[in-house]
Amino acid sequence: MAINDDFEKAQADVKTLTEKPDNATLLELYALYKQGTEGDAAGRRPGIMDPVGRAKFDAWGAKKGASTDDAMTAYVASVKKLLG
């Protein structure tokens, strides 16, 4: 269960960043978070009139097949890298 504790800590730590990460990093964090908490992307892909929703869905969909633990571990590593 250690990964769950690390994952929860990383979720809190990411909120303490002094600078907002770039959009690509934010999408990566979002995708890893969703894959770690919900598994593979499901539902309909948002339409062209929702570019933000579409980008998020596509980023999450790119993580398809990654295990919960792998996604959580990658999320924790990404946050640690951002924190320096």
PDB file of N, CA and C in Angstrom:
ATOM      1  N   MET A   1       0.815  -1.212   0.000  1.00  0.00           N
ATOM      2  CA  MET A   1       0.000   0.000   0.000  1.00  0.00           C
ATOM      3  C   MET A   1       0.854   1.269   0.000  1.00  0.00           C
ATOM      4  N   ALA A   2       2.164   1.119   0.001  1.00  0.00           N
ATOM      5  CA  ALA A   2       3.046   2.284   0.041  1.00  0.00           C
ATOM      6  C   ALA A   2       2.838   3.199  -1.160  1.00  0.00           C
ATOM      7  N   ILE A   3       2.572   2.627  -2.330  1.00  0.00           N
ATOM      8  CA  ILE A   3       2.385   3.464  -3.516  1.00  0.00           C
ATOM      9  C   ILE A   3       1.163   4.360  -3.358  1.00  0.00           C
ATOM     10  N   ASN A   4       0.113   3.858  -2.709  1.00  0.00           N
ATOM     11  CA  ASN A   4      -1.070   4.691  -2.488  1.00  0.00           C
ATOM     12  C   ASN A   4      -0.740   5.887  -1.602  1.00  0.00           C
ATOM     13  N   ASP A   5       0.069   5.657  -0.574  1.00  0.00           N
ATOM     14  CA  ASP A   5       0.469   6.755   0.308  1.00  0.00           C
ATOM     15  C   ASP A   5       1.321   7.778  -0.444  1.00  0.00           C
ATOM     16  N   ASP A   6       2.271   7.286  -1.232  1.00  0.00           N
ATOM     17  CA  ASP A   6       3.118   8.174  -2.028  1.00  0.00           C
ATOM     18  C   ASP A   6       2.284   8.955  -3.037  1.00  0.00           C
ATOM     19  N   PHE A   7       1.297   8.289  -3.638  1.00  0.00           N
ATOM     20  CA  PHE A   7       0.425   8.916  -4.624  1.00  0.00           C
ATOM     21  C   PHE A   7      -0.392  10.037  -3.978  1.00  0.00           C
ATOM     22  N   GLU A   8      -0.942   9.775  -2.816  1.00  0.00           N
ATOM     23  CA  GLU A   8      -1.713  10.796  -2.111  1.00  0.00           C
ATOM     24  C   GLU A   8      -0.830  11.978  -1.714  1.00  0.00           C
ATOM     25  N   LYS A   9       0.385  11.691  -1.270  1.00  0.00           N
ATOM     26  CA  LYS A   9       1.315  12.764  -0.907  1.00  0.00           C
ATOM     27  C   LYS A   9       1.666  13.593  -2.135  1.00  0.00           C
ATOM     28  N   ALA A  10       1.899  12.937  -3.267  1.00  0.00           N
ATOM     29  CA  ALA A  10       2.226  13.647  -4.501  1.00  0.00           C
ATOM     30  C   ALA A  10       1.071  14.547  -4.934  1.00  0.00           C
ATOM     31  N   GLN A  11      -0.167  14.090  -4.731  1.00  0.00           N
ATOM     32  CA  GLN A  11      -1.332  14.906  -5.073  1.00  0.00           C
ATOM     33  C   GLN A  11      -1.346  16.185  -4.241  1.00  0.00           C
ATOM     34  N   ALA A  12      -0.983  16.078  -2.971  1.00  0.00           N
ATOM     35  CA  ALA A  12      -0.919  17.258  -2.107  1.00  0.00           C
ATOM     36  C   ALA A  12       0.280  18.133  -2.484  1.00  0.00           C
ATOM     37  N   ASP A  13       1.405  17.494  -2.765  1.00  0.00           N
ATOM     38  CA  ASP A  13       2.625  18.235  -3.092  1.00  0.00           C
ATOM     39  C   ASP A  13       2.494  19.045  -4.375  1.00  0.00           C
ATOM     40  N   VAL A  14       1.791  18.504  -5.360  1.00  0.00           N
ATOM     41  CA  VAL A  14       1.681  19.206  -6.642  1.00  0.00           C
ATOM     42  C   VAL A  14       0.934  20.535  -6.465  1.00  0.00           C
ATOM     43  N   LYS A  15       0.099  20.622  -5.465  1.00  0.00           N
ATOM     44  CA  LYS A  15      -0.640  21.862  -5.210  1.00  0.00           C
ATOM     45  C   LYS A  15       0.241  22.943  -4.594  1.00  0.00           C
ATOM     46  N   THR A  16       1.450  22.572  -4.158  1.00  0.00           N
ATOM     47  CA  THR A  16       2.348  23.536  -3.522  1.00  0.00           C
ATOM     48  C   THR A  16       3.381  24.102  -4.486  1.00  0.00           C
ATOM     49  N   LEU A  17       3.317  23.720  -5.757  1.00  0.00           N
ATOM     50  CA  LEU A  17       4.287  24.222  -6.737  1.00  0.00           C
ATOM     51  C   LEU A  17       4.206  25.742  -6.823  1.00  0.00           C
ATOM     52  N   THR A  18       5.357  26.373  -6.885  1.00  0.00           N
ATOM     53  CA  THR A  18       5.384  27.836  -6.953  1.00  0.00           C
ATOM     54  C   THR A  18       5.151  28.342  -8.373  1.00  0.00           C
ATOM     55  N   GLU A  19       5.494  27.521  -9.371  1.00  0.00           N
ATOM     56  CA  GLU A  19       5.265  27.880 -10.765  1.00  0.00           C
ATOM     57  C   GLU A  19       4.357  26.850 -11.413  1.00  0.00           C
ATOM     58  N   LYS A  20       3.450  27.340 -12.239  1.00  0.00           N
ATOM     59  CA  LYS A  20       2.553  26.432 -12.963  1.00  0.00           C
ATOM     60  C   LYS A  20       3.343  25.727 -14.060  1.00  0.00           C
ATOM     61  N   PRO A  21       3.253  24.389 -14.111  1.00  0.00           N
ATOM     62  CA  PRO A  21       3.944  23.646 -15.182  1.00  0.00           C
ATOM     63  C   PRO A  21       3.352  23.985 -16.553  1.00  0.00           C
ATOM     64  N   ASP A  22       4.109  23.681 -17.595  1.00  0.00           N
ATOM     65  CA  ASP A  22       3.603  23.919 -18.949  1.00  0.00           C
ATOM     66  C   ASP A  22       2.443  22.964 -19.249  1.00  0.00           C
ATOM     67  N   ASN A  23       1.735  23.253 -20.314  1.00  0.00           N
ATOM     68  CA  ASN A  23       0.533  22.476 -20.651  1.00  0.00           C
ATOM     69  C   ASN A  23       0.824  21.001 -20.886  1.00  0.00           C
ATOM     70  N   ALA A  24       1.949  20.691 -21.520  1.00  0.00           N
ATOM     71  CA  ALA A  24       2.292  19.290 -21.780  1.00  0.00           C
ATOM     72  C   ALA A  24       2.484  18.536 -20.461  1.00  0.00           C
ATOM     73  N   THR A  25       3.123  19.171 -19.509  1.00  0.00           N
ATOM     74  CA  THR A  25       3.338  18.546 -18.202  1.00  0.00           C
ATOM     75  C   THR A  25       2.021  18.386 -17.463  1.00  0.00           C
ATOM     76  N   LEU A  26       1.171  19.398 -17.542  1.00  0.00           N
ATOM     77  CA  LEU A  26      -0.143  19.310 -16.899  1.00  0.00           C
ATOM     78  C   LEU A  26      -0.969  18.171 -17.491  1.00  0.00           C
ATOM     79  N   LEU A  27      -0.923  18.016 -18.811  1.00  0.00           N
ATOM     80  CA  LEU A  27      -1.650  16.927 -19.458  1.00  0.00           C
ATOM     81  C   LEU A  27      -1.098  15.570 -19.030  1.00  0.00           C
ATOM     82  N   GLU A  28       0.215  15.475 -18.915  1.00  0.00           N
ATOM     83  CA  GLU A  28       0.848  14.226 -18.483  1.00  0.00           C
ATOM     84  C   GLU A  28       0.409  13.875 -17.061  1.00  0.00           C
ATOM     85  N   LEU A  29       0.429  14.859 -16.174  1.00  0.00           N
ATOM     86  CA  LEU A  29      -0.006  14.624 -14.794  1.00  0.00           C
ATOM     87  C   LEU A  29      -1.472  14.216 -14.745  1.00  0.00           C
ATOM     88  N   TYR A  30      -2.292  14.893 -15.529  1.00  0.00           N
ATOM     89  CA  TYR A  30      -3.721  14.565 -15.583  1.00  0.00           C
ATOM     90  C   TYR A  30      -3.924  13.126 -16.041  1.00  0.00           C
ATOM     91  N   ALA A  31      -3.233  12.763 -17.124  1.00  0.00           N
ATOM     92  CA  ALA A  31      -3.384  11.422 -17.685  1.00  0.00           C
ATOM     93  C   ALA A  31      -2.944  10.357 -16.697  1.00  0.00           C
ATOM     94  N   LEU A  32      -1.826  10.575 -16.043  1.00  0.00           N
ATOM     95  CA  LEU A  32      -1.332   9.605 -15.066  1.00  0.00           C
ATOM     96  C   LEU A  32      -2.272   9.507 -13.870  1.00  0.00           C
ATOM     97  N   TYR A  33      -2.797  10.644 -13.438  1.00  0.00           N
ATOM     98  CA  TYR A  33      -3.744  10.645 -12.320  1.00  0.00           C
ATOM     99  C   TYR A  33      -5.000   9.843 -12.686  1.00  0.00           C
ATOM    100  N   LYS A  34      -5.563  10.133 -13.841  1.00  0.00           N
ATOM    101  CA  LYS A  34      -6.789   9.443 -14.257  1.00  0.00           C
ATOM    102  C   LYS A  34      -6.545   7.947 -14.453  1.00  0.00           C
ATOM    103  N   GLN A  35      -5.411   7.592 -15.060  1.00  0.00           N
ATOM    104  CA  GLN A  35      -5.106   6.185 -15.268  1.00  0.00           C
ATOM    105  C   GLN A  35      -4.899   5.491 -13.921  1.00  0.00           C
ATOM    106  N   GLY A  36      -4.291   6.189 -12.990  1.00  0.00           N
ATOM    107  CA  GLY A  36      -4.040   5.616 -11.677  1.00  0.00           C
ATOM    108  C   GLY A  36      -5.278   5.486 -10.816  1.00  0.00           C
ATOM    109  N   THR A  37      -6.257   6.345 -11.048  1.00  0.00           N
ATOM    110  CA  THR A  37      -7.456   6.307 -10.219  1.00  0.00           C
ATOM    111  C   THR A  37      -8.648   5.633 -10.886  1.00  0.00           C
ATOM    112  N   GLU A  38      -8.722   5.682 -12.213  1.00  0.00           N
ATOM    113  CA  GLU A  38      -9.902   5.150 -12.900  1.00  0.00           C
ATOM    114  C   GLU A  38      -9.601   4.059 -13.920  1.00  0.00           C
ATOM    115  N   GLY A  39      -8.336   3.886 -14.279  1.00  0.00           N
ATOM    116  CA  GLY A  39      -8.000   2.896 -15.304  1.00  0.00           C
ATOM    117  C   GLY A  39      -8.110   3.497 -16.694  1.00  0.00           C
ATOM    118  N   ASP A  40      -8.279   2.655 -17.689  1.00  0.00           N
ATOM    119  CA  ASP A  40      -8.314   3.109 -19.077  1.00  0.00           C
ATOM    120  C   ASP A  40      -9.455   4.095 -19.333  1.00  0.00           C
ATOM    121  N   ALA A  41      -9.189   5.027 -20.238  1.00  0.00           N
ATOM    122  CA  ALA A  41     -10.185   6.026 -20.615  1.00  0.00           C
ATOM    123  C   ALA A  41     -11.419   5.341 -21.185  1.00  0.00           C
ATOM    124  N   ALA A  42     -12.556   5.848 -20.794  1.00  0.00           N
ATOM    125  CA  ALA A  42     -13.819   5.289 -21.270  1.00  0.00           C
ATOM    126  C   ALA A  42     -14.736   6.430 -21.685  1.00  0.00           C
ATOM    127  N   GLY A  43     -15.745   6.086 -22.427  1.00  0.00           N
ATOM    128  CA  GLY A  43     -16.707   7.098 -22.852  1.00  0.00           C
ATOM    129  C   GLY A  43     -16.335   7.656 -24.215  1.00  0.00           C
ATOM    130  N   ARG A  44     -17.054   8.683 -24.576  1.00  0.00           N
ATOM    131  CA  ARG A  44     -16.857   9.296 -25.889  1.00  0.00           C
ATOM    132  C   ARG A  44     -15.795  10.374 -25.818  1.00  0.00           C
ATOM    133  N   ARG A  45     -15.045  10.455 -26.876  1.00  0.00           N
ATOM    134  CA  ARG A  45     -14.040  11.511 -27.008  1.00  0.00           C
ATOM    135  C   ARG A  45     -14.761  12.829 -27.245  1.00  0.00           C
ATOM    136  N   PRO A  46     -14.398  13.876 -26.501  1.00  0.00           N
ATOM    137  CA  PRO A  46     -15.047  15.174 -26.718  1.00  0.00           C
ATOM    138  C   PRO A  46     -14.852  15.661 -28.148  1.00  0.00           C
ATOM    139  N   GLY A  47     -15.803  16.441 -28.602  1.00  0.00           N
ATOM    140  CA  GLY A  47     -15.775  16.940 -29.974  1.00  0.00           C
ATOM    141  C   GLY A  47     -14.796  18.071 -30.179  1.00  0.00           C
ATOM    142  N   ILE A  48     -14.699  18.502 -31.409  1.00  0.00           N
ATOM    143  CA  ILE A  48     -13.762  19.546 -31.821  1.00  0.00           C
ATOM    144  C   ILE A  48     -14.055  20.878 -31.131  1.00  0.00           C
ATOM    145  N   MET A  49     -15.271  21.062 -30.670  1.00  0.00           N
ATOM    146  CA  MET A  49     -15.637  22.315 -29.998  1.00  0.00           C
ATOM    147  C   MET A  49     -15.179  22.345 -28.539  1.00  0.00           C
ATOM    148  N   ASP A  50     -14.601  21.264 -28.069  1.00  0.00           N
ATOM    149  CA  ASP A  50     -14.072  21.180 -26.703  1.00  0.00           C
ATOM    150  C   ASP A  50     -12.606  20.765 -26.771  1.00  0.00           C
ATOM    151  N   PRO A  51     -11.721  21.687 -27.190  1.00  0.00           N
ATOM    152  CA  PRO A  51     -10.320  21.314 -27.389  1.00  0.00           C
ATOM    153  C   PRO A  51      -9.606  20.907 -26.094  1.00  0.00           C
ATOM    154  N   VAL A  52      -9.961  21.511 -24.984  1.00  0.00           N
ATOM    155  CA  VAL A  52      -9.323  21.152 -23.714  1.00  0.00           C
ATOM    156  C   VAL A  52      -9.741  19.749 -23.292  1.00  0.00           C
ATOM    157  N   GLY A  53     -11.031  19.476 -23.346  1.00  0.00           N
ATOM    158  CA  GLY A  53     -11.535  18.157 -23.000  1.00  0.00           C
ATOM    159  C   GLY A  53     -10.966  17.082 -23.920  1.00  0.00           C
ATOM    160  N   ARG A  54     -10.841  17.438 -25.171  1.00  0.00           N
ATOM    161  CA  ARG A  54     -10.301  16.500 -26.150  1.00  0.00           C
ATOM    162  C   ARG A  54      -8.826  16.193 -25.868  1.00  0.00           C
ATOM    163  N   ALA A  55      -8.055  17.226 -25.549  1.00  0.00           N
ATOM    164  CA  ALA A  55      -6.634  17.041 -25.236  1.00  0.00           C
ATOM    165  C   ALA A  55      -6.470  16.176 -23.988  1.00  0.00           C
ATOM    166  N   LYS A  56      -7.305  16.418 -22.990  1.00  0.00           N
ATOM    167  CA  LYS A  56      -7.251  15.617 -21.764  1.00  0.00           C
ATOM    168  C   LYS A  56      -7.602  14.157 -22.057  1.00  0.00           C
ATOM    169  N   PHE A  57      -8.658  13.949 -22.824  1.00  0.00           N
ATOM    170  CA  PHE A  57      -9.079  12.587 -23.158  1.00  0.00           C
ATOM    171  C   PHE A  57      -7.995  11.863 -23.950  1.00  0.00           C
ATOM    172  N   ASP A  58      -7.385  12.560 -24.902  1.00  0.00           N
ATOM    173  CA  ASP A  58      -6.338  11.950 -25.714  1.00  0.00           C
ATOM    174  C   ASP A  58      -5.109  11.608 -24.875  1.00  0.00           C
ATOM    175  N   ALA A  59      -4.743  12.496 -23.961  1.00  0.00           N
ATOM    176  CA  ALA A  59      -3.591  12.234 -23.095  1.00  0.00           C
ATOM    177  C   ALA A  59      -3.861  11.020 -22.214  1.00  0.00           C
ATOM    178  N   TRP A  60      -5.061  10.950 -21.666  1.00  0.00           N
ATOM    179  CA  TRP A  60      -5.442   9.816 -20.829  1.00  0.00           C
ATOM    180  C   TRP A  60      -5.480   8.532 -21.667  1.00  0.00           C
ATOM    181  N   GLY A  61      -6.049   8.622 -22.858  1.00  0.00           N
ATOM    182  CA  GLY A  61      -6.137   7.466 -23.743  1.00  0.00           C
ATOM    183  C   GLY A  61      -4.764   6.921 -24.132  1.00  0.00           C
ATOM    184  N   ALA A  62      -3.767   7.792 -24.162  1.00  0.00           N
ATOM    185  CA  ALA A  62      -2.405   7.358 -24.501  1.00  0.00           C
ATOM    186  C   ALA A  62      -1.814   6.462 -23.420  1.00  0.00           C
ATOM    187  N   LYS A  63      -2.399   6.472 -22.242  1.00  0.00           N
ATOM    188  CA  LYS A  63      -1.919   5.639 -21.131  1.00  0.00           C
ATOM    189  C   LYS A  63      -2.633   4.290 -21.078  1.00  0.00           C
ATOM    190  N   LYS A  64      -3.469   4.012 -22.062  1.00  0.00           N
ATOM    191  CA  LYS A  64      -4.259   2.777 -22.078  1.00  0.00           C
ATOM    192  C   LYS A  64      -3.377   1.556 -21.855  1.00  0.00           C
ATOM    193  N   GLY A  65      -3.815   0.705 -20.958  1.00  0.00           N
ATOM    194  CA  GLY A  65      -3.098  -0.530 -20.677  1.00  0.00           C
ATOM    195  C   GLY A  65      -2.112  -0.427 -19.525  1.00  0.00           C
ATOM    196  N   ALA A  66      -1.779   0.791 -19.116  1.00  0.00           N
ATOM    197  CA  ALA A  66      -0.862   0.947 -17.978  1.00  0.00           C
ATOM    198  C   ALA A  66      -1.587   0.519 -16.707  1.00  0.00           C
ATOM    199  N   SER A  67      -0.895  -0.194 -15.858  1.00  0.00           N
ATOM    200  CA  SER A  67      -1.517  -0.635 -14.608  1.00  0.00           C
ATOM    201  C   SER A  67      -1.684   0.543 -13.667  1.00  0.00           C
ATOM    202  N   THR A  68      -2.557   0.376 -12.709  1.00  0.00           N
ATOM    203  CA  THR A  68      -2.780   1.411 -11.706  1.00  0.00           C
ATOM    204  C   THR A  68      -1.477   1.754 -10.991  1.00  0.00           C
ATOM    205  N   ASP A  69      -0.755   0.727 -10.562  1.00  0.00           N
ATOM    206  CA  ASP A  69       0.502   0.958  -9.847  1.00  0.00           C
ATOM    207  C   ASP A  69       1.534   1.672 -10.713  1.00  0.00           C
ATOM    208  N   ASP A  70       1.630   1.276 -11.987  1.00  0.00           N
ATOM    209  CA  ASP A  70       2.588   1.930 -12.883  1.00  0.00           C
ATOM    210  C   ASP A  70       2.233   3.404 -13.083  1.00  0.00           C
ATOM    211  N   ALA A  71       0.951   3.694 -13.258  1.00  0.00           N
ATOM    212  CA  ALA A  71       0.523   5.079 -13.444  1.00  0.00           C
ATOM    213  C   ALA A  71       0.770   5.896 -12.180  1.00  0.00           C
ATOM    214  N   MET A  72       0.467   5.313 -11.031  1.00  0.00           N
ATOM    215  CA  MET A  72       0.701   6.024  -9.769  1.00  0.00           C
ATOM    216  C   MET A  72       2.195   6.279  -9.562  1.00  0.00           C
ATOM    217  N   THR A  73       3.011   5.290  -9.860  1.00  0.00           N
ATOM    218  CA  THR A  73       4.460   5.428  -9.700  1.00  0.00           C
ATOM    219  C   THR A  73       4.997   6.520 -10.620  1.00  0.00           C
ATOM    220  N   ALA A  74       4.532   6.558 -11.858  1.00  0.00           N
ATOM    221  CA  ALA A  74       4.964   7.575 -12.814  1.00  0.00           C
ATOM    222  C   ALA A  74       4.494   8.965 -12.370  1.00  0.00           C
ATOM    223  N   TYR A  75       3.297   9.045 -11.812  1.00  0.00           N
ATOM    224  CA  TYR A  75       2.779  10.321 -11.308  1.00  0.00           C
ATOM    225  C   TYR A  75       3.666  10.837 -10.181  1.00  0.00           C
ATOM    226  N   VAL A  76       3.972   9.961  -9.237  1.00  0.00           N
ATOM    227  CA  VAL A  76       4.821  10.337  -8.099  1.00  0.00           C
ATOM    228  C   VAL A  76       6.180  10.815  -8.604  1.00  0.00           C
ATOM    229  N   ALA A  77       6.771  10.095  -9.547  1.00  0.00           N
ATOM    230  CA  ALA A  77       8.077  10.470 -10.093  1.00  0.00           C
ATOM    231  C   ALA A  77       8.011  11.826 -10.798  1.00  0.00           C
ATOM    232  N   SER A  78       6.939  12.079 -11.529  1.00  0.00           N
ATOM    233  CA  SER A  78       6.784  13.346 -12.228  1.00  0.00           C
ATOM    234  C   SER A  78       6.670  14.513 -11.255  1.00  0.00           C
ATOM    235  N   VAL A  79       5.910  14.317 -10.199  1.00  0.00           N
ATOM    236  CA  VAL A  79       5.752  15.381  -9.198  1.00  0.00           C
ATOM    237  C   VAL A  79       7.076  15.635  -8.494  1.00  0.00           C
ATOM    238  N   LYS A  80       7.780  14.582  -8.147  1.00  0.00           N
ATOM    239  CA  LYS A  80       9.084  14.749  -7.487  1.00  0.00           C
ATOM    240  C   LYS A  80      10.037  15.535  -8.387  1.00  0.00           C
ATOM    241  N   LYS A  81       9.995  15.251  -9.680  1.00  0.00           N
ATOM    242  CA  LYS A  81      10.849  15.964 -10.628  1.00  0.00           C
ATOM    243  C   LYS A  81      10.489  17.452 -10.672  1.00  0.00           C
ATOM    244  N   LEU A  82       9.205  17.749 -10.631  1.00  0.00           N
ATOM    245  CA  LEU A  82       8.762  19.151 -10.646  1.00  0.00           C
ATOM    246  C   LEU A  82       9.173  19.890  -9.374  1.00  0.00           C
ATOM    247  N   LEU A  83       9.162  19.168  -8.261  1.00  0.00           N
ATOM    248  CA  LEU A  83       9.522  19.786  -6.986  1.00  0.00           C
ATOM    249  C   LEU A  83      11.025  20.026  -6.872  1.00  0.00           C
ATOM    250  N   GLY A  84      11.778  19.314  -7.694  1.00  0.00           N
ATOM    251  CA  GLY A  84      13.218  19.514  -7.705  1.00  0.00           C
ATOM    252  C   GLY A  84      13.960  18.683  -6.804  1.00  0.00           C
TER     253      GLY A  84
END
